[in-house]
Amino acid sequence: MSNVAKIEKHELAVSDVSPMFAMIERAARDPAVDIDKLERLMQMKVSADALAARGAFDEAMASMQPELPAIGERGNAAGRYTYALWEDINSAIKPVLMKHGFALTFRTDFTNGITVTGVLSHRSGHREETSITLPADPSGNKNAVQAVASSVSYGKRYTAGALLNLTSHGEDDDAYAAVNAPDNKSLDWIATADALGSLDEYKARKADVVKAYGDVAQVPKSVLAAFNKRFAELKGSAE
């Protein structure tokens, strides 16, 4: 059996990416290797590279999550609600993103409404993205340019929050703590987080808590903080 045939039957691991490239180089110089086999080898390498990049992305994301801060809500929508300003979000998350090899960029499209796409890229080569389409926001007597800029800013806040699972709170920390005081259900989950014994158990129970509340956005901040704290402890003890 030729070396090429053996490779085609072998299930490649992520660690085989570099040896595989060397084999492709040798195959490319071998006149006995036809184009179809060479193309299959190249596709296998592309798949292996993508798998390795996705693994590095997921690992870096898990390490970064406990370090992402809650953002103070300095924005005020005419007294109807408060929100975190994009400039505050950007300033708070940039150093954390850089530390873990991430970059957050945005695309805008005005073909049908105002579409903002957030793109979270990792130095490994993998990226994730999400989009939101909005109308122009003329509230508060904004002119046409200000209305578009307001929607773009909202799109950045929304997509960044979705990609990074960001949380925010009011500037009055005492009021924030009072409103978010844990109830019995939250206390049970906090106790569960404190008792986690391994990273595998953390992943399973984190999925359970999201399922219990229906959506990650509905999980109380105190519960998320407890899980993030325990994750950091478990990761530190494993290193």
Protein backbone atom coordinates (compact mmCIF):
# COMPACT_ATOMS: atom_id res chain seq x y z
CA MET A 1 0.00 0.00 0.00
CA SER A 2 1.38 3.45 -0.92
CA ASN A 3 2.00 6.20 1.62
CA VAL A 4 -0.87 8.21 0.08
CA ALA A 5 -3.34 5.35 0.53
CA LYS A 6 -2.27 4.89 4.13
CA ILE A 7 -2.86 8.57 4.85
CA GLU A 8 -6.32 8.48 3.27
CA LYS A 9 -7.32 5.70 5.67
CA HIS A 10 -5.78 7.29 8.72
CA GLU A 11 -7.96 9.52 10.95
CA LEU A 12 -5.87 12.61 11.46
CA ALA A 13 -5.53 14.19 14.89
CA VAL A 14 -5.01 17.92 15.40
CA SER A 15 -1.36 17.28 16.28
CA ASP A 16 -0.85 15.69 12.81
CA VAL A 17 -1.31 18.97 10.93
CA SER A 18 2.44 19.71 10.45
CA PRO A 19 3.48 16.14 9.51
CA MET A 20 0.56 16.09 7.10
CA PHE A 21 1.80 19.23 5.36
CA ALA A 22 5.18 17.57 4.88
CA MET A 23 3.46 14.52 3.39
CA ILE A 24 1.47 16.72 1.01
CA GLU A 25 4.69 18.34 -0.15
CA ARG A 26 6.20 14.94 -0.87
CA ALA A 27 3.02 13.80 -2.62
CA ALA A 28 3.01 16.91 -4.79
CA ARG A 29 6.52 16.07 -6.01
CA ASP A 30 5.61 12.44 -6.73
CA PRO A 31 4.43 12.02 -10.36
CA ALA A 32 2.65 8.80 -9.36
CA VAL A 33 0.18 10.75 -7.18
CA ASP A 34 -2.78 11.94 -9.24
CA ILE A 35 -4.53 15.29 -8.81
CA ASP A 36 -7.66 13.82 -7.20
CA LYS A 37 -5.66 12.24 -4.38
CA LEU A 38 -3.66 15.42 -3.88
CA GLU A 39 -6.85 17.48 -3.68
CA ARG A 40 -8.29 15.07 -1.10
CA LEU A 41 -5.12 15.40 0.96
CA MET A 42 -5.35 19.19 0.78
CA GLN A 43 -9.00 19.11 1.89
CA MET A 44 -8.08 16.86 4.82
CA LYS A 45 -5.44 19.39 5.87
CA VAL A 46 -7.90 22.27 5.57
CA SER A 47 -10.34 20.37 7.81
CA ALA A 48 -7.62 19.54 10.33
CA ASP A 49 -6.48 23.19 10.42
CA ALA A 50 -10.06 24.35 10.99
CA LEU A 51 -10.52 21.83 13.80
CA ALA A 52 -7.33 22.98 15.50
CA ALA A 53 -8.32 26.65 15.16
CA ARG A 54 -11.78 26.01 16.59
CA GLY A 55 -10.27 24.14 19.54
CA ALA A 56 -7.88 27.03 20.28
CA PHE A 57 -10.77 29.51 19.99
CA ASP A 58 -12.94 27.57 22.45
CA GLU A 59 -10.10 27.14 24.93
CA ALA A 60 -9.24 30.84 24.84
CA MET A 61 -12.92 31.80 25.19
CA ALA A 62 -13.31 29.61 28.26
CA SER A 63 -10.20 31.18 29.81
CA MET A 64 -11.37 34.71 29.00
CA GLN A 65 -14.96 34.52 30.29
CA PRO A 66 -14.18 34.95 34.01
CA GLU A 67 -12.09 38.05 33.25
CA LEU A 68 -14.74 39.95 31.28
CA PRO A 69 -16.09 42.76 33.49
CA ALA A 70 -19.65 43.86 34.11
CA ILE A 71 -20.11 47.28 32.48
CA GLY A 72 -21.67 50.24 34.27
CA GLU A 73 -24.79 51.66 32.60
CA ARG A 74 -24.08 55.36 32.10
CA GLY A 75 -26.40 55.75 29.11
CA ASN A 76 -29.95 56.96 29.75
CA ALA A 77 -32.81 56.62 27.26
CA ALA A 78 -34.87 59.65 28.32
CA GLY A 79 -35.52 58.09 31.71
CA ARG A 80 -37.07 54.92 30.22
CA TYR A 81 -34.08 52.68 30.86
CA THR A 82 -30.31 52.80 31.28
CA TYR A 83 -27.70 51.04 29.19
CA ALA A 84 -23.94 50.61 28.88
CA LEU A 85 -22.36 53.04 26.44
CA TRP A 86 -20.39 51.49 23.59
CA GLU A 87 -17.29 53.50 24.48
CA ASP A 88 -17.41 52.09 28.03
CA ILE A 89 -17.86 48.54 26.74
CA ASN A 90 -15.02 48.92 24.24
CA SER A 91 -12.61 50.37 26.81
CA ALA A 92 -13.42 47.63 29.33
CA ILE A 93 -13.14 44.62 27.05
CA LYS A 94 -10.23 45.59 24.77
CA PRO A 95 -7.40 44.68 27.19
CA VAL A 96 -9.05 41.33 28.01
CA LEU A 97 -9.59 40.50 24.34
CA MET A 98 -5.99 41.36 23.52
CA LYS A 99 -4.65 39.27 26.41
CA HIS A 100 -6.41 36.15 25.12
CA GLY A 101 -5.70 36.69 21.42
CA PHE A 102 -9.10 37.99 20.31
CA ALA A 103 -10.12 40.93 18.13
CA LEU A 104 -13.66 42.31 17.80
CA THR A 105 -14.57 44.06 14.55
CA PHE A 106 -17.80 45.13 12.89
CA ARG A 107 -19.34 45.28 9.42
CA THR A 108 -22.28 47.47 8.49
CA ASP A 109 -24.74 47.15 5.63
CA PHE A 110 -27.45 49.65 4.72
CA THR A 111 -29.14 47.71 1.91
CA ASN A 112 -32.24 46.81 3.91
CA GLY A 113 -32.29 48.76 7.15
CA ILE A 114 -29.13 49.07 9.22
CA THR A 115 -27.40 45.72 9.66
CA VAL A 116 -24.48 45.52 12.08
CA THR A 117 -22.41 42.33 12.12
CA GLY A 118 -20.02 41.70 14.99
CA VAL A 119 -17.02 39.48 14.19
CA LEU A 120 -15.01 37.91 17.01
CA SER A 121 -11.70 36.62 15.61
CA HIS A 122 -8.99 34.63 17.36
CA ARG A 123 -5.31 34.53 16.46
CA SER A 124 -5.73 30.80 15.73
CA GLY A 125 -7.71 31.74 12.62
CA HIS A 126 -11.22 30.81 13.83
CA ARG A 127 -13.96 33.43 14.03
CA GLU A 128 -17.58 33.70 15.13
CA GLU A 129 -20.07 36.35 14.07
CA THR A 130 -23.62 37.51 14.71
CA SER A 131 -25.80 40.21 13.14
CA ILE A 132 -28.73 42.44 13.97
CA THR A 133 -30.82 44.54 11.57
CA LEU A 134 -32.36 47.75 12.90
CA PRO A 135 -34.29 50.77 11.67
CA ALA A 136 -32.80 54.23 12.08
CA ASP A 137 -33.37 55.61 15.59
CA PRO A 138 -34.94 59.10 15.34
CA SER A 139 -35.85 59.32 19.06
CA GLY A 140 -34.86 62.45 20.95
CA ASN A 141 -35.19 64.67 17.86
CA LYS A 142 -32.12 63.20 16.19
CA ASN A 143 -31.32 64.27 12.65
CA ALA A 144 -30.93 61.65 9.90
CA VAL A 145 -27.19 61.15 10.43
CA GLN A 146 -27.54 60.92 14.22
CA ALA A 147 -30.40 58.41 13.84
CA VAL A 148 -28.19 56.07 11.80
CA ALA A 149 -25.21 56.50 14.14
CA SER A 150 -27.42 55.67 17.14
CA SER A 151 -28.59 52.43 15.53
CA VAL A 152 -25.04 51.46 14.59
CA SER A 153 -23.94 52.05 18.18
CA TYR A 154 -26.82 49.91 19.44
CA GLY A 155 -25.86 47.19 16.95
CA LYS A 156 -22.29 47.18 18.26
CA ARG A 157 -23.48 46.91 21.87
CA TYR A 158 -25.90 44.11 21.00
CA THR A 159 -23.55 41.99 18.90
CA ALA A 160 -20.62 42.44 21.31
CA GLY A 161 -22.86 41.37 24.18
CA ALA A 162 -24.11 38.33 22.26
CA LEU A 163 -20.63 37.18 21.22
CA LEU A 164 -19.02 37.68 24.62
CA ASN A 165 -21.95 37.13 27.01
CA LEU A 166 -21.41 40.57 28.56
CA THR A 167 -23.36 41.86 31.54
CA SER A 168 -24.04 45.42 32.68
CA HIS A 169 -25.37 47.13 35.80
CA GLY A 170 -26.42 50.54 37.04
CA GLU A 171 -23.87 53.03 38.29
CA ASP A 172 -25.34 52.83 41.82
CA ASP A 173 -23.66 49.67 43.08
CA ASP A 174 -25.75 49.50 46.26
CA ALA A 175 -28.99 49.53 44.27
CA TYR A 176 -27.53 46.97 41.87
CA ALA A 177 -26.70 44.63 44.73
CA ALA A 178 -30.15 45.03 46.30
CA VAL A 179 -32.06 44.36 43.08
CA ASN A 180 -29.91 41.33 42.29
CA ALA A 181 -29.93 39.74 45.77
CA PRO A 182 -29.99 35.96 45.25
CA ASP A 183 -33.30 34.13 45.76
CA ASN A 184 -33.55 30.51 46.88
CA LYS A 185 -33.18 29.13 43.36
CA SER A 186 -30.10 31.27 42.79
CA LEU A 187 -28.62 30.21 46.12
CA ASP A 188 -29.03 26.55 45.14
CA TRP A 189 -27.15 27.12 41.89
CA ILE A 190 -24.45 29.14 43.66
CA ALA A 191 -23.97 26.24 46.06
CA THR A 192 -23.80 23.89 43.06
CA ALA A 193 -21.10 26.06 41.49
CA ASP A 194 -19.08 26.12 44.72
CA ALA A 195 -19.17 22.30 44.88
CA LEU A 196 -17.92 21.66 41.34
CA GLY A 197 -14.96 19.32 41.37
CA SER A 198 -13.65 19.36 37.78
CA LEU A 199 -13.69 21.33 34.54
CA ASP A 200 -15.80 18.62 32.89
CA GLU A 201 -18.34 18.89 35.69
CA TYR A 202 -18.28 22.67 35.29
CA LYS A 203 -19.16 22.41 31.58
CA ALA A 204 -22.03 20.01 32.26
CA ARG A 205 -23.52 21.99 35.12
CA LYS A 206 -23.10 25.32 33.31
CA ALA A 207 -25.23 23.87 30.50
CA ASP A 208 -27.77 22.70 33.12
CA VAL A 209 -28.10 26.14 34.69
CA VAL A 210 -28.71 27.81 31.32
CA LYS A 211 -31.34 25.18 30.55
CA ALA A 212 -32.96 25.73 33.96
CA TYR A 213 -33.45 29.44 33.26
CA GLY A 214 -34.32 29.00 29.59
CA ASP A 215 -31.63 31.31 28.23
CA VAL A 216 -28.21 32.54 29.33
CA ALA A 217 -29.56 36.11 29.42
CA GLN A 218 -32.04 35.05 32.11
CA VAL A 219 -29.46 33.48 34.43
CA PRO A 220 -28.99 35.78 37.47
CA LYS A 221 -25.70 37.63 37.52
CA SER A 222 -24.90 36.24 40.96
CA VAL A 223 -25.16 32.69 39.59
CA LEU A 224 -22.99 33.48 36.55
CA ALA A 225 -20.42 35.10 38.83
CA ALA A 226 -20.32 31.99 41.04
CA PHE A 227 -19.79 29.70 38.04
CA ASN A 228 -17.13 31.97 36.56
CA LYS A 229 -15.32 32.17 39.91
CA ARG A 230 -15.32 28.38 40.30
CA PHE A 231 -14.13 27.95 36.70
CA ALA A 232 -11.14 30.18 37.39
CA GLU A 233 -10.33 28.20 40.54
CA LEU A 234 -10.58 24.84 38.76
CA LYS A 235 -8.50 26.03 35.82
CA GLY A 236 -5.86 27.41 38.16
CA SER A 237 -5.58 24.14 40.08
CA ALA A 238 -5.31 22.17 36.81
CA GLU A 239 -2.34 24.19 35.55
